[in-house]
Protein backbone atom coordinates (compact mmCIF):
# COMPACT_ATOMS: atom_id res chain seq x y z
CA MET A 1 -39.13 -54.90 14.77
CA SER A 2 -40.30 -55.07 11.09
CA LYS A 3 -43.04 -57.52 10.70
CA GLN A 4 -41.41 -59.20 7.16
CA CYS A 5 -40.06 -62.75 6.70
CA ASP A 6 -36.42 -62.91 6.75
CA ILE A 7 -36.66 -65.73 3.63
CA CYS A 8 -39.19 -64.35 0.95
CA GLN A 9 -39.39 -60.79 2.33
CA LYS A 10 -43.61 -61.29 2.54
CA LYS A 11 -44.70 -57.80 3.97
CA PRO A 12 -47.88 -56.59 5.54
CA LEU A 13 -50.36 -55.57 2.71
CA LYS A 14 -53.13 -52.82 2.85
CA ALA A 15 -56.46 -53.78 2.32
CA ASN A 16 -60.45 -52.23 2.18
CA LYS A 17 -62.94 -53.83 4.00
CA VAL A 18 -66.02 -52.69 1.86
CA SER A 19 -69.52 -52.82 3.42
CA PHE A 20 -73.02 -53.27 1.90
CA SER A 21 -73.45 -49.30 2.03
CA ASN A 22 -69.88 -49.24 0.17
CA LYS A 23 -68.32 -47.57 2.98
CA HIS A 24 -64.22 -48.40 2.93
CA TYR A 25 -62.45 -49.40 6.18
CA ALA A 26 -58.83 -49.67 5.69
CA TYR A 27 -57.16 -52.29 7.42
CA LYS A 28 -53.61 -54.59 7.55
CA GLN A 29 -53.19 -58.27 6.29
CA GLU A 30 -50.11 -59.21 8.21
CA PRO A 31 -48.15 -62.24 7.34
CA ASN A 32 -48.07 -65.33 9.89
CA LEU A 33 -44.65 -64.85 11.52
CA GLN A 34 -43.11 -67.35 13.88
CA PRO A 35 -39.50 -66.67 15.36
CA MET A 36 -37.26 -69.78 15.07
CA LYS A 37 -33.49 -70.98 15.04
CA ALA A 38 -32.18 -71.73 11.94
CA ASN A 39 -28.79 -72.94 10.31
CA ILE A 40 -27.71 -70.00 8.07
CA ASN A 41 -24.37 -70.40 6.26
CA GLY A 42 -23.33 -72.86 9.10
CA THR A 43 -24.27 -70.44 11.99
CA VAL A 44 -27.11 -70.51 14.18
CA LYS A 45 -29.39 -67.16 13.87
CA LYS A 46 -32.84 -66.45 15.36
CA ILE A 47 -35.15 -65.59 12.47
CA LYS A 48 -38.72 -64.64 11.55
CA VAL A 49 -40.01 -66.74 9.47
CA CYS A 50 -43.16 -67.22 7.40
CA THR A 51 -45.27 -70.32 7.73
CA SER A 52 -45.39 -70.76 4.12
CA CYS A 53 -41.43 -70.62 4.05
CA ILE A 54 -41.55 -73.39 6.79
CA LYS A 55 -44.29 -75.69 4.99
CA ALA A 56 -42.28 -75.44 1.77
CA ASN A 57 -38.61 -76.24 3.79
CA LYS A 58 -37.07 -73.17 2.50
CA VAL A 59 -35.50 -73.03 6.15
CA GLN A 60 -33.11 -75.47 7.78
CA LYS A 61 -34.29 -75.80 11.75
CA ALA A 62 -31.28 -75.58 14.12
CA VAL A 63 -31.03 -78.37 16.61
């Protein structure tokens, strides 16, 4: 399963932590994805949506 938002296509980022001694450690920054049921074109589908899309009302929850 991909760790990607189905609405805005937000993906994990690769970043480096840099210590005081200037050593670089690679790590991932992953989006905060939440599974939810949403109305898409009149049908109910289960999708993964990031919390920023939920807060911005880009998705309509299924009732």
